[in-house]
Amino acid sequence: MSEVTKHGDVVKALAVAMDIETEMGLEYLEQVLRNAVLFERKQRDYGSGNIAVFGEKGVIVRASDKVQRLKHLVFDRAETERAPENEPVADSWDDLANYGIIGRLCRDGKWR
C-alpha cells in the first residue's frame, strides 16, 4: 500500500480544498503526491548537492537522459522484448515529472 493510499482522507481533503473534482484531476493529484513521497525519499538518500552543482542546466541533462531512456523503451524496443530489469518505464516517468519540478525550483532560485 502506498503512502498516498494510506492517507486517502488527506488526499480527499486536499482535493476539496483545491477544488479538484474531475476523475483525471484526482488521479493527477494522487500521482503528484506519490511523486512527492518518492522525491522526499531520494532527498533523504542523496540530498540536494548533486543537483546544486550544475543547477537548472544539470536538470535539463538529467531530464534529457530520461527522455532518451523512455524513447528507447517505448519506441525502439519491440513489443515482444522483455521488460527492463533495472528500472520500469513508470519509474522513468516519475523521475521525469520530478525533474520538471526540480527544474522549476532551480529556475525560481529555491533549490538548496
PDB file of N, CA and C in Angstrom:
ATOM      1  N   MET A   1       0.853  -1.179   0.000  1.00  0.00           N
ATOM      2  CA  MET A   1       0.000   0.000   0.000  1.00  0.00           C
ATOM      3  C   MET A   1       0.895   1.237   0.000  1.00  0.00           C
ATOM      4  N   SER A   2       0.629   2.162  -0.900  1.00  0.00           N
ATOM      5  CA  SER A   2       1.461   3.366  -0.986  1.00  0.00           C
ATOM      6  C   SER A   2       1.104   4.350   0.123  1.00  0.00           C
ATOM      7  N   GLU A   3       2.021   5.286   0.364  1.00  0.00           N
ATOM      8  CA  GLU A   3       1.784   6.331   1.366  1.00  0.00           C
ATOM      9  C   GLU A   3       0.511   7.110   1.036  1.00  0.00           C
ATOM     10  N   VAL A   4       0.297   7.362  -0.249  1.00  0.00           N
ATOM     11  CA  VAL A   4      -0.877   8.138  -0.665  1.00  0.00           C
ATOM     12  C   VAL A   4      -2.151   7.365  -0.359  1.00  0.00           C
ATOM     13  N   THR A   5      -2.150   6.063  -0.655  1.00  0.00           N
ATOM     14  CA  THR A   5      -3.326   5.241  -0.385  1.00  0.00           C
ATOM     15  C   THR A   5      -3.623   5.193   1.109  1.00  0.00           C
ATOM     16  N   LYS A   6      -2.565   5.089   1.927  1.00  0.00           N
ATOM     17  CA  LYS A   6      -2.752   5.049   3.375  1.00  0.00           C
ATOM     18  C   LYS A   6      -3.363   6.332   3.907  1.00  0.00           C
ATOM     19  N   HIS A   7      -3.177   7.431   3.196  1.00  0.00           N
ATOM     20  CA  HIS A   7      -3.655   8.735   3.647  1.00  0.00           C
ATOM     21  C   HIS A   7      -4.782   9.245   2.746  1.00  0.00           C
ATOM     22  N   GLY A   8      -5.684   8.350   2.393  1.00  0.00           N
ATOM     23  CA  GLY A   8      -6.774   8.684   1.482  1.00  0.00           C
ATOM     24  C   GLY A   8      -7.620   9.863   1.937  1.00  0.00           C
ATOM     25  N   ASP A   9      -7.864   9.975   3.237  1.00  0.00           N
ATOM     26  CA  ASP A   9      -8.665  11.088   3.751  1.00  0.00           C
ATOM     27  C   ASP A   9      -7.962  12.420   3.532  1.00  0.00           C
ATOM     28  N   VAL A  10      -6.652  12.429   3.671  1.00  0.00           N
ATOM     29  CA  VAL A  10      -5.881  13.651   3.434  1.00  0.00           C
ATOM     30  C   VAL A  10      -5.961  14.032   1.960  1.00  0.00           C
ATOM     31  N   VAL A  11      -5.845  13.040   1.088  1.00  0.00           N
ATOM     32  CA  VAL A  11      -5.931  13.290  -0.350  1.00  0.00           C
ATOM     33  C   VAL A  11      -7.299  13.870  -0.694  1.00  0.00           C
ATOM     34  N   LYS A  12      -8.341  13.284  -0.140  1.00  0.00           N
ATOM     35  CA  LYS A  12      -9.696  13.791  -0.396  1.00  0.00           C
ATOM     36  C   LYS A  12      -9.858  15.214   0.108  1.00  0.00           C
ATOM     37  N   ALA A  13      -9.365  15.502   1.302  1.00  0.00           N
ATOM     38  CA  ALA A  13      -9.464  16.852   1.859  1.00  0.00           C
ATOM     39  C   ALA A  13      -8.671  17.847   1.014  1.00  0.00           C
ATOM     40  N   LEU A  14      -7.514  17.438   0.559  1.00  0.00           N
ATOM     41  CA  LEU A  14      -6.697  18.304  -0.299  1.00  0.00           C
ATOM     42  C   LEU A  14      -7.411  18.577  -1.617  1.00  0.00           C
ATOM     43  N   ALA A  15      -8.025  17.560  -2.182  1.00  0.00           N
ATOM     44  CA  ALA A  15      -8.776  17.736  -3.427  1.00  0.00           C
ATOM     45  C   ALA A  15      -9.920  18.724  -3.238  1.00  0.00           C
ATOM     46  N   VAL A  16     -10.626  18.610  -2.141  1.00  0.00           N
ATOM     47  CA  VAL A  16     -11.726  19.542  -1.854  1.00  0.00           C
ATOM     48  C   VAL A  16     -11.179  20.953  -1.690  1.00  0.00           C
ATOM     49  N   ALA A  17     -10.109  21.099  -0.919  1.00  0.00           N
ATOM     50  CA  ALA A  17      -9.529  22.422  -0.670  1.00  0.00           C
ATOM     51  C   ALA A  17      -9.028  23.075  -1.956  1.00  0.00           C
ATOM     52  N   MET A  18      -8.587  22.243  -2.905  1.00  0.00           N
ATOM     53  CA  MET A  18      -8.037  22.773  -4.156  1.00  0.00           C
ATOM     54  C   MET A  18      -9.076  22.794  -5.277  1.00  0.00           C
ATOM     55  N   ASP A  19     -10.317  22.435  -4.961  1.00  0.00           N
ATOM     56  CA  ASP A  19     -11.405  22.402  -5.931  1.00  0.00           C
ATOM     57  C   ASP A  19     -11.105  21.469  -7.106  1.00  0.00           C
ATOM     58  N   ILE A  20     -10.536  20.319  -6.782  1.00  0.00           N
ATOM     59  CA  ILE A  20     -10.267  19.289  -7.788  1.00  0.00           C
ATOM     60  C   ILE A  20     -11.400  18.286  -7.732  1.00  0.00           C
ATOM     61  N   GLU A  21     -12.139  18.189  -8.822  1.00  0.00           N
ATOM     62  CA  GLU A  21     -13.337  17.343  -8.842  1.00  0.00           C
ATOM     63  C   GLU A  21     -13.316  16.274  -9.929  1.00  0.00           C
ATOM     64  N   THR A  22     -12.627  16.537 -11.034  1.00  0.00           N
ATOM     65  CA  THR A  22     -12.696  15.590 -12.145  1.00  0.00           C
ATOM     66  C   THR A  22     -11.928  14.321 -11.824  1.00  0.00           C
ATOM     67  N   GLU A  23     -12.295  13.249 -12.486  1.00  0.00           N
ATOM     68  CA  GLU A  23     -11.622  11.970 -12.282  1.00  0.00           C
ATOM     69  C   GLU A  23     -10.132  12.096 -12.590  1.00  0.00           C
ATOM     70  N   MET A  24      -9.801  12.738 -13.700  1.00  0.00           N
ATOM     71  CA  MET A  24      -8.399  12.884 -14.084  1.00  0.00           C
ATOM     72  C   MET A  24      -7.666  13.839 -13.147  1.00  0.00           C
ATOM     73  N   GLY A  25      -8.347  14.859 -12.656  1.00  0.00           N
ATOM     74  CA  GLY A  25      -7.748  15.755 -11.681  1.00  0.00           C
ATOM     75  C   GLY A  25      -7.381  15.018 -10.408  1.00  0.00           C
ATOM     76  N   LEU A  26      -8.261  14.125  -9.961  1.00  0.00           N
ATOM     77  CA  LEU A  26      -7.992  13.326  -8.759  1.00  0.00           C
ATOM     78  C   LEU A  26      -6.853  12.336  -8.995  1.00  0.00           C
ATOM     79  N   GLU A  27      -6.844  11.705 -10.162  1.00  0.00           N
ATOM     80  CA  GLU A  27      -5.745  10.781 -10.497  1.00  0.00           C
ATOM     81  C   GLU A  27      -4.419  11.542 -10.530  1.00  0.00           C
ATOM     82  N   TYR A  28      -4.444  12.730 -11.130  1.00  0.00           N
ATOM     83  CA  TYR A  28      -3.254  13.567 -11.220  1.00  0.00           C
ATOM     84  C   TYR A  28      -2.744  13.928  -9.822  1.00  0.00           C
ATOM     85  N   LEU A  29      -3.652  14.354  -8.953  1.00  0.00           N
ATOM     86  CA  LEU A  29      -3.280  14.715  -7.585  1.00  0.00           C
ATOM     87  C   LEU A  29      -2.640  13.536  -6.865  1.00  0.00           C
ATOM     88  N   GLU A  30      -3.234  12.371  -6.985  1.00  0.00           N
ATOM     89  CA  GLU A  30      -2.676  11.193  -6.330  1.00  0.00           C
ATOM     90  C   GLU A  30      -1.282  10.870  -6.863  1.00  0.00           C
ATOM     91  N   GLN A  31      -1.087  11.012  -8.181  1.00  0.00           N
ATOM     92  CA  GLN A  31       0.237  10.744  -8.752  1.00  0.00           C
ATOM     93  C   GLN A  31       1.252  11.779  -8.279  1.00  0.00           C
ATOM     94  N   VAL A  32       0.849  13.037  -8.238  1.00  0.00           N
ATOM     95  CA  VAL A  32       1.748  14.092  -7.749  1.00  0.00           C
ATOM     96  C   VAL A  32       2.163  13.803  -6.311  1.00  0.00           C
ATOM     97  N   LEU A  33       1.246  13.356  -5.502  1.00  0.00           N
ATOM     98  CA  LEU A  33       1.568  13.054  -4.111  1.00  0.00           C
ATOM     99  C   LEU A  33       2.484  11.834  -4.006  1.00  0.00           C
ATOM    100  N   ARG A  34       2.269  10.827  -4.852  1.00  0.00           N
ATOM    101  CA  ARG A  34       3.194   9.682  -4.880  1.00  0.00           C
ATOM    102  C   ARG A  34       4.591  10.152  -5.278  1.00  0.00           C
ATOM    103  N   ASN A  35       4.648  11.073  -6.254  1.00  0.00           N
ATOM    104  CA  ASN A  35       5.947  11.597  -6.677  1.00  0.00           C
ATOM    105  C   ASN A  35       6.597  12.419  -5.574  1.00  0.00           C
ATOM    106  N   ALA A  36       5.799  13.127  -4.780  1.00  0.00           N
ATOM    107  CA  ALA A  36       6.351  13.897  -3.662  1.00  0.00           C
ATOM    108  C   ALA A  36       6.984  12.964  -2.631  1.00  0.00           C
ATOM    109  N   VAL A  37       6.346  11.826  -2.383  1.00  0.00           N
ATOM    110  CA  VAL A  37       6.908  10.844  -1.448  1.00  0.00           C
ATOM    111  C   VAL A  37       8.213  10.280  -2.010  1.00  0.00           C
ATOM    112  N   LEU A  38       8.229   9.951  -3.300  1.00  0.00           N
ATOM    113  CA  LEU A  38       9.443   9.470  -3.958  1.00  0.00           C
ATOM    114  C   LEU A  38      10.550  10.520  -3.873  1.00  0.00           C
ATOM    115  N   PHE A  39      10.211  11.771  -4.176  1.00  0.00           N
ATOM    116  CA  PHE A  39      11.161  12.868  -4.106  1.00  0.00           C
ATOM    117  C   PHE A  39      11.758  12.971  -2.700  1.00  0.00           C
ATOM    118  N   GLU A  40      10.922  12.908  -1.691  1.00  0.00           N
ATOM    119  CA  GLU A  40      11.387  13.017  -0.301  1.00  0.00           C
ATOM    120  C   GLU A  40      12.344  11.881   0.044  1.00  0.00           C
ATOM    121  N   ARG A  41      12.016  10.659  -0.381  1.00  0.00           N
ATOM    122  CA  ARG A  41      12.897   9.519  -0.115  1.00  0.00           C
ATOM    123  C   ARG A  41      14.270   9.737  -0.750  1.00  0.00           C
ATOM    124  N   LYS A  42      14.267  10.223  -1.998  1.00  0.00           N
ATOM    125  CA  LYS A  42      15.537  10.453  -2.689  1.00  0.00           C
ATOM    126  C   LYS A  42      16.309  11.611  -2.061  1.00  0.00           C
ATOM    127  N   GLN A  43      15.615  12.623  -1.569  1.00  0.00           N
ATOM    128  CA  GLN A  43      16.290  13.720  -0.867  1.00  0.00           C
ATOM    129  C   GLN A  43      16.976  13.202   0.385  1.00  0.00           C
ATOM    130  N   ARG A  44      16.304  12.319   1.100  1.00  0.00           N
ATOM    131  CA  ARG A  44      16.900  11.760   2.321  1.00  0.00           C
ATOM    132  C   ARG A  44      18.123  10.901   1.993  1.00  0.00           C
ATOM    133  N   ASP A  45      18.056  10.185   0.862  1.00  0.00           N
ATOM    134  CA  ASP A  45      19.177   9.320   0.466  1.00  0.00           C
ATOM    135  C   ASP A  45      20.349  10.106  -0.105  1.00  0.00           C
ATOM    136  N   TYR A  46      20.053  11.092  -0.963  1.00  0.00           N
ATOM    137  CA  TYR A  46      21.102  11.743  -1.748  1.00  0.00           C
ATOM    138  C   TYR A  46      21.320  13.215  -1.427  1.00  0.00           C
ATOM    139  N   GLY A  47      20.353  13.868  -0.820  1.00  0.00           N
ATOM    140  CA  GLY A  47      20.470  15.296  -0.554  1.00  0.00           C
ATOM    141  C   GLY A  47      20.279  16.133  -1.814  1.00  0.00           C
ATOM    142  N   SER A  48      20.599  17.413  -1.720  1.00  0.00           N
ATOM    143  CA  SER A  48      20.376  18.359  -2.812  1.00  0.00           C
ATOM    144  C   SER A  48      21.637  18.710  -3.577  1.00  0.00           C
ATOM    145  N   GLY A  49      22.784  18.341  -3.032  1.00  0.00           N
ATOM    146  CA  GLY A  49      24.048  18.767  -3.617  1.00  0.00           C
ATOM    147  C   GLY A  49      24.283  18.309  -5.035  1.00  0.00           C
ATOM    148  N   ASN A  50      23.821  17.106  -5.383  1.00  0.00           N
ATOM    149  CA  ASN A  50      24.060  16.598  -6.730  1.00  0.00           C
ATOM    150  C   ASN A  50      23.372  17.454  -7.789  1.00  0.00           C
ATOM    151  N   ILE A  51      22.256  18.052  -7.471  1.00  0.00           N
ATOM    152  CA  ILE A  51      21.578  18.956  -8.402  1.00  0.00           C
ATOM    153  C   ILE A  51      22.188  20.353  -8.300  1.00  0.00           C
ATOM    154  N   ALA A  52      22.507  20.775  -7.093  1.00  0.00           N
ATOM    155  CA  ALA A  52      23.005  22.134  -6.869  1.00  0.00           C
ATOM    156  C   ALA A  52      24.307  22.407  -7.626  1.00  0.00           C
ATOM    157  N   VAL A  53      25.114  21.375  -7.869  1.00  0.00           N
ATOM    158  CA  VAL A  53      26.395  21.564  -8.553  1.00  0.00           C
ATOM    159  C   VAL A  53      26.204  22.196  -9.934  1.00  0.00           C
ATOM    160  N   PHE A  54      25.234  21.711 -10.693  1.00  0.00           N
ATOM    161  CA  PHE A  54      25.032  22.203 -12.062  1.00  0.00           C
ATOM    162  C   PHE A  54      23.712  22.937 -12.247  1.00  0.00           C
ATOM    163  N   GLY A  55      22.852  22.935 -11.232  1.00  0.00           N
ATOM    164  CA  GLY A  55      21.611  23.692 -11.270  1.00  0.00           C
ATOM    165  C   GLY A  55      20.671  23.304 -12.395  1.00  0.00           C
ATOM    166  N   GLU A  56      20.012  24.311 -12.920  1.00  0.00           N
ATOM    167  CA  GLU A  56      18.987  24.108 -13.943  1.00  0.00           C
ATOM    168  C   GLU A  56      19.541  23.383 -15.172  1.00  0.00           C
ATOM    169  N   LYS A  57      20.758  23.721 -15.572  1.00  0.00           N
ATOM    170  CA  LYS A  57      21.349  23.063 -16.748  1.00  0.00           C
ATOM    171  C   LYS A  57      21.551  21.571 -16.501  1.00  0.00           C
ATOM    172  N   GLY A  58      21.977  21.227 -15.296  1.00  0.00           N
ATOM    173  CA  GLY A  58      22.132  19.825 -14.955  1.00  0.00           C
ATOM    174  C   GLY A  58      20.814  19.072 -14.964  1.00  0.00           C
ATOM    175  N   VAL A  59      19.758  19.746 -14.527  1.00  0.00           N
ATOM    176  CA  VAL A  59      18.426  19.125 -14.534  1.00  0.00           C
ATOM    177  C   VAL A  59      17.995  18.850 -15.972  1.00  0.00           C
ATOM    178  N   ILE A  60      18.298  19.775 -16.873  1.00  0.00           N
ATOM    179  CA  ILE A  60      17.958  19.577 -18.291  1.00  0.00           C
ATOM    180  C   ILE A  60      18.668  18.342 -18.835  1.00  0.00           C
ATOM    181  N   VAL A  61      19.932  18.165 -18.482  1.00  0.00           N
ATOM    182  CA  VAL A  61      20.678  16.984 -18.933  1.00  0.00           C
ATOM    183  C   VAL A  61      20.055  15.715 -18.371  1.00  0.00           C
ATOM    184  N   ARG A  62      19.741  15.729 -17.088  1.00  0.00           N
ATOM    185  CA  ARG A  62      19.128  14.545 -16.471  1.00  0.00           C
ATOM    186  C   ARG A  62      17.762  14.239 -17.095  1.00  0.00           C
ATOM    187  N   ALA A  63      16.973  15.273 -17.328  1.00  0.00           N
ATOM    188  CA  ALA A  63      15.666  15.080 -17.960  1.00  0.00           C
ATOM    189  C   ALA A  63      15.833  14.534 -19.371  1.00  0.00           C
ATOM    190  N   SER A  64      16.821  15.047 -20.088  1.00  0.00           N
ATOM    191  CA  SER A  64      17.090  14.553 -21.443  1.00  0.00           C
ATOM    192  C   SER A  64      17.465  13.072 -21.416  1.00  0.00           C
ATOM    193  N   ASP A  65      18.270  12.677 -20.433  1.00  0.00           N
ATOM    194  CA  ASP A  65      18.620  11.260 -20.292  1.00  0.00           C
ATOM    195  C   ASP A  65      17.369  10.409 -20.090  1.00  0.00           C
ATOM    196  N   LYS A  66      16.432  10.901 -19.264  1.00  0.00           N
ATOM    197  CA  LYS A  66      15.189  10.154 -19.023  1.00  0.00           C
ATOM    198  C   LYS A  66      14.349  10.062 -20.291  1.00  0.00           C
ATOM    199  N   VAL A  67      14.281  11.155 -21.038  1.00  0.00           N
ATOM    200  CA  VAL A  67      13.511  11.145 -22.292  1.00  0.00           C
ATOM    201  C   VAL A  67      14.119  10.130 -23.259  1.00  0.00           C
ATOM    202  N   GLN A  68      15.446  10.103 -23.355  1.00  0.00           N
ATOM    203  CA  GLN A  68      16.097   9.143 -24.249  1.00  0.00           C
ATOM    204  C   GLN A  68      15.827   7.711 -23.799  1.00  0.00           C
ATOM    205  N   ARG A  69      15.836   7.486 -22.498  1.00  0.00           N
ATOM    206  CA  ARG A  69      15.524   6.151 -21.985  1.00  0.00           C
ATOM    207  C   ARG A  69      14.090   5.769 -22.335  1.00  0.00           C
ATOM    208  N   LEU A  70      13.170   6.681 -22.115  1.00  0.00           N
ATOM    209  CA  LEU A  70      11.769   6.415 -22.453  1.00  0.00           C
ATOM    210  C   LEU A  70      11.596   6.168 -23.944  1.00  0.00           C
ATOM    211  N   LYS A  71      12.262   6.981 -24.742  1.00  0.00           N
ATOM    212  CA  LYS A  71      12.189   6.797 -26.199  1.00  0.00           C
ATOM    213  C   LYS A  71      12.639   5.389 -26.571  1.00  0.00           C
ATOM    214  N   HIS A  72      13.751   4.980 -26.002  1.00  0.00           N
ATOM    215  CA  HIS A  72      14.261   3.640 -26.295  1.00  0.00           C
ATOM    216  C   HIS A  72      13.272   2.559 -25.860  1.00  0.00           C
ATOM    217  N   LEU A  73      12.754   2.682 -24.651  1.00  0.00           N
ATOM    218  CA  LEU A  73      11.881   1.637 -24.116  1.00  0.00           C
ATOM    219  C   LEU A  73      10.505   1.616 -24.771  1.00  0.00           C
ATOM    220  N   VAL A  74       9.990   2.786 -25.126  1.00  0.00           N
ATOM    221  CA  VAL A  74       8.625   2.851 -25.653  1.00  0.00           C
ATOM    222  C   VAL A  74       8.600   2.743 -27.182  1.00  0.00           C
ATOM    223  N   PHE A  75       9.527   3.401 -27.864  1.00  0.00           N
ATOM    224  CA  PHE A  75       9.504   3.420 -29.328  1.00  0.00           C
ATOM    225  C   PHE A  75      10.407   2.358 -29.946  1.00  0.00           C
ATOM    226  N   ASP A  76      11.598   2.186 -29.420  1.00  0.00           N
ATOM    227  CA  ASP A  76      12.614   1.394 -30.104  1.00  0.00           C
ATOM    228  C   ASP A  76      12.565  -0.095 -29.813  1.00  0.00           C
ATOM    229  N   ARG A  77      12.108  -0.471 -28.647  1.00  0.00           N
ATOM    230  CA  ARG A  77      12.077  -1.893 -28.299  1.00  0.00           C
ATOM    231  C   ARG A  77      10.870  -2.562 -28.942  1.00  0.00           C
ATOM    232  N   ALA A  78      11.071  -3.728 -29.455  1.00  0.00           N
ATOM    233  CA  ALA A  78       9.950  -4.489 -29.993  1.00  0.00           C
ATOM    234  C   ALA A  78       9.046  -4.904 -28.835  1.00  0.00           C
ATOM    235  N   GLU A  79       7.760  -4.960 -29.086  1.00  0.00           N
ATOM    236  CA  GLU A  79       6.816  -5.309 -28.013  1.00  0.00           C
ATOM    237  C   GLU A  79       7.042  -6.710 -27.464  1.00  0.00           C
ATOM    238  N   THR A  80       7.711  -7.544 -28.228  1.00  0.00           N
ATOM    239  CA  THR A  80       7.954  -8.910 -27.764  1.00  0.00           C
ATOM    240  C   THR A  80       9.165  -9.003 -26.846  1.00  0.00           C
ATOM    241  N   GLU A  81       9.973  -7.946 -26.784  1.00  0.00           N
ATOM    242  CA  GLU A  81      11.146  -7.989 -25.911  1.00  0.00           C
ATOM    243  C   GLU A  81      10.714  -7.924 -24.453  1.00  0.00           C
ATOM    244  N   ARG A  82      11.565  -8.430 -23.604  1.00  0.00           N
ATOM    245  CA  ARG A  82      11.258  -8.423 -22.172  1.00  0.00           C
ATOM    246  C   ARG A  82      11.334  -7.003 -21.609  1.00  0.00           C
ATOM    247  N   ALA A  83      10.660  -6.810 -20.509  1.00  0.00           N
ATOM    248  CA  ALA A  83      10.660  -5.511 -19.829  1.00  0.00           C
ATOM    249  C   ALA A  83      12.046  -5.241 -19.242  1.00  0.00           C
ATOM    250  N   PRO A  84      12.389  -3.974 -19.062  1.00  0.00           N
ATOM    251  CA  PRO A  84      13.693  -3.665 -18.469  1.00  0.00           C
ATOM    252  C   PRO A  84      13.788  -4.215 -17.049  1.00  0.00           C
ATOM    253  N   GLU A  85      14.975  -4.674 -16.673  1.00  0.00           N
ATOM    254  CA  GLU A  85      15.164  -5.285 -15.361  1.00  0.00           C
ATOM    255  C   GLU A  85      15.481  -4.273 -14.268  1.00  0.00           C
ATOM    256  N   ASN A  86      16.115  -3.165 -14.623  1.00  0.00           N
ATOM    257  CA  ASN A  86      16.639  -2.264 -13.599  1.00  0.00           C
ATOM    258  C   ASN A  86      15.742  -1.088 -13.264  1.00  0.00           C
ATOM    259  N   GLU A  87      14.926  -0.649 -14.198  1.00  0.00           N
ATOM    260  CA  GLU A  87      14.058   0.487 -13.910  1.00  0.00           C
ATOM    261  C   GLU A  87      12.833   0.418 -14.826  1.00  0.00           C
ATOM    262  N   PRO A  88      11.678   0.160 -14.257  1.00  0.00           N
ATOM    263  CA  PRO A  88      10.469   0.111 -15.085  1.00  0.00           C
ATOM    264  C   PRO A  88      10.199   1.459 -15.762  1.00  0.00           C
ATOM    265  N   VAL A  89       9.476   1.412 -16.861  1.00  0.00           N
ATOM    266  CA  VAL A  89       9.122   2.628 -17.597  1.00  0.00           C
ATOM    267  C   VAL A  89       8.408   3.615 -16.674  1.00  0.00           C
ATOM    268  N   ALA A  90       7.517   3.129 -15.826  1.00  0.00           N
ATOM    269  CA  ALA A  90       6.782   4.014 -14.915  1.00  0.00           C
ATOM    270  C   ALA A  90       7.735   4.804 -14.023  1.00  0.00           C
ATOM    271  N   ASP A  91       8.824   4.180 -13.588  1.00  0.00           N
ATOM    272  CA  ASP A  91       9.799   4.891 -12.751  1.00  0.00           C
ATOM    273  C   ASP A  91      10.454   6.036 -13.517  1.00  0.00           C
ATOM    274  N   SER A  92      10.726   5.811 -14.788  1.00  0.00           N
ATOM    275  CA  SER A  92      11.317   6.881 -15.611  1.00  0.00           C
ATOM    276  C   SER A  92      10.347   8.049 -15.745  1.00  0.00           C
ATOM    277  N   TRP A  93       9.056   7.763 -15.921  1.00  0.00           N
ATOM    278  CA  TRP A  93       8.061   8.843 -15.983  1.00  0.00           C
ATOM    279  C   TRP A  93       8.014   9.610 -14.669  1.00  0.00           C
ATOM    280  N   ASP A  94       8.051   8.895 -13.552  1.00  0.00           N
ATOM    281  CA  ASP A  94       8.025   9.559 -12.242  1.00  0.00           C
ATOM    282  C   ASP A  94       9.245  10.465 -12.068  1.00  0.00           C
ATOM    283  N   ASP A  95      10.419   9.946 -12.434  1.00  0.00           N
ATOM    284  CA  ASP A  95      11.641  10.749 -12.325  1.00  0.00           C
ATOM    285  C   ASP A  95      11.571  11.985 -13.218  1.00  0.00           C
ATOM    286  N   LEU A  96      11.063  11.813 -14.429  1.00  0.00           N
ATOM    287  CA  LEU A  96      10.961  12.946 -15.351  1.00  0.00           C
ATOM    288  C   LEU A  96      10.021  14.014 -14.804  1.00  0.00           C
ATOM    289  N   ALA A  97       8.909  13.593 -14.229  1.00  0.00           N
ATOM    290  CA  ALA A  97       7.979  14.554 -13.624  1.00  0.00           C
ATOM    291  C   ALA A  97       8.665  15.300 -12.485  1.00  0.00           C
ATOM    292  N   ASN A  98       9.408  14.585 -11.658  1.00  0.00           N
ATOM    293  CA  ASN A  98      10.101  15.230 -10.547  1.00  0.00           C
ATOM    294  C   ASN A  98      11.202  16.163 -11.044  1.00  0.00           C
ATOM    295  N   TYR A  99      11.892  15.783 -12.120  1.00  0.00           N
ATOM    296  CA  TYR A  99      12.898  16.686 -12.681  1.00  0.00           C
ATOM    297  C   TYR A  99      12.263  17.991 -13.156  1.00  0.00           C
ATOM    298  N   GLY A 100      11.049  17.916 -13.674  1.00  0.00           N
ATOM    299  CA  GLY A 100      10.355  19.145 -14.078  1.00  0.00           C
ATOM    300  C   GLY A 100      10.160  20.087 -12.899  1.00  0.00           C
ATOM    301  N   ILE A 101       9.774  19.544 -11.769  1.00  0.00           N
ATOM    302  CA  ILE A 101       9.558  20.374 -10.585  1.00  0.00           C
ATOM    303  C   ILE A 101      10.897  20.863 -10.026  1.00  0.00           C
ATOM    304  N   ILE A 102      11.900  19.989 -10.025  1.00  0.00           N
ATOM    305  CA  ILE A 102      13.227  20.406  -9.567  1.00  0.00           C
ATOM    306  C   ILE A 102      13.745  21.548 -10.448  1.00  0.00           C
ATOM    307  N   GLY A 103      13.554  21.415 -11.759  1.00  0.00           N
ATOM    308  CA  GLY A 103      13.970  22.476 -12.678  1.00  0.00           C
ATOM    309  C   GLY A 103      13.274  23.788 -12.365  1.00  0.00           C
ATOM    310  N   ARG A 104      12.007  23.718 -12.059  1.00  0.00           N
ATOM    311  CA  ARG A 104      11.259  24.930 -11.710  1.00  0.00           C
ATOM    312  C   ARG A 104      11.791  25.533 -10.411  1.00  0.00           C
ATOM    313  N   LEU A 105      12.101  24.694  -9.428  1.00  0.00           N
ATOM    314  CA  LEU A 105      12.671  25.197  -8.182  1.00  0.00           C
ATOM    315  C   LEU A 105      14.023  25.864  -8.434  1.00  0.00           C
ATOM    316  N   CYS A 106      14.833  25.275  -9.310  1.00  0.00           N
ATOM    317  CA  CYS A 106      16.113  25.903  -9.681  1.00  0.00           C
ATOM    318  C   CYS A 106      15.862  27.240 -10.363  1.00  0.00           C
ATOM    319  N   ARG A 107      14.932  27.265 -11.303  1.00  0.00           N
ATOM    320  CA  ARG A 107      14.616  28.500 -12.044  1.00  0.00           C
ATOM    321  C   ARG A 107      14.169  29.591 -11.093  1.00  0.00           C
ATOM    322  N   ASP A 108      13.398  29.232 -10.071  1.00  0.00           N
ATOM    323  CA  ASP A 108      12.865  30.214  -9.122  1.00  0.00           C
ATOM    324  C   ASP A 108      13.846  30.553  -8.001  1.00  0.00           C
ATOM    325  N   GLY A 109      15.056  29.976  -8.051  1.00  0.00           N
ATOM    326  CA  GLY A 109      16.055  30.252  -7.032  1.00  0.00           C
ATOM    327  C   GLY A 109      15.771  29.626  -5.685  1.00  0.00           C
ATOM    328  N   LYS A 110      14.968  28.560  -5.668  1.00  0.00           N
ATOM    329  CA  LYS A 110      14.571  27.940  -4.393  1.00  0.00           C
ATOM    330  C   LYS A 110      15.323  26.649  -4.094  1.00  0.00           C
ATOM    331  N   TRP A 111      16.105  26.140  -5.053  1.00  0.00           N
ATOM    332  CA  TRP A 111      16.806  24.889  -4.817  1.00  0.00           C
ATOM    333  C   TRP A 111      17.979  25.131  -3.879  1.00  0.00           C
ATOM    334  N   ARG A 112      18.079  24.341  -2.848  1.00  0.00           N
ATOM    335  CA  ARG A 112      19.161  24.463  -1.865  1.00  0.00           C
ATOM    336  C   ARG A 112      19.952  23.181  -1.810  1.00  0.00           C
TER     337      ARG A 112
END
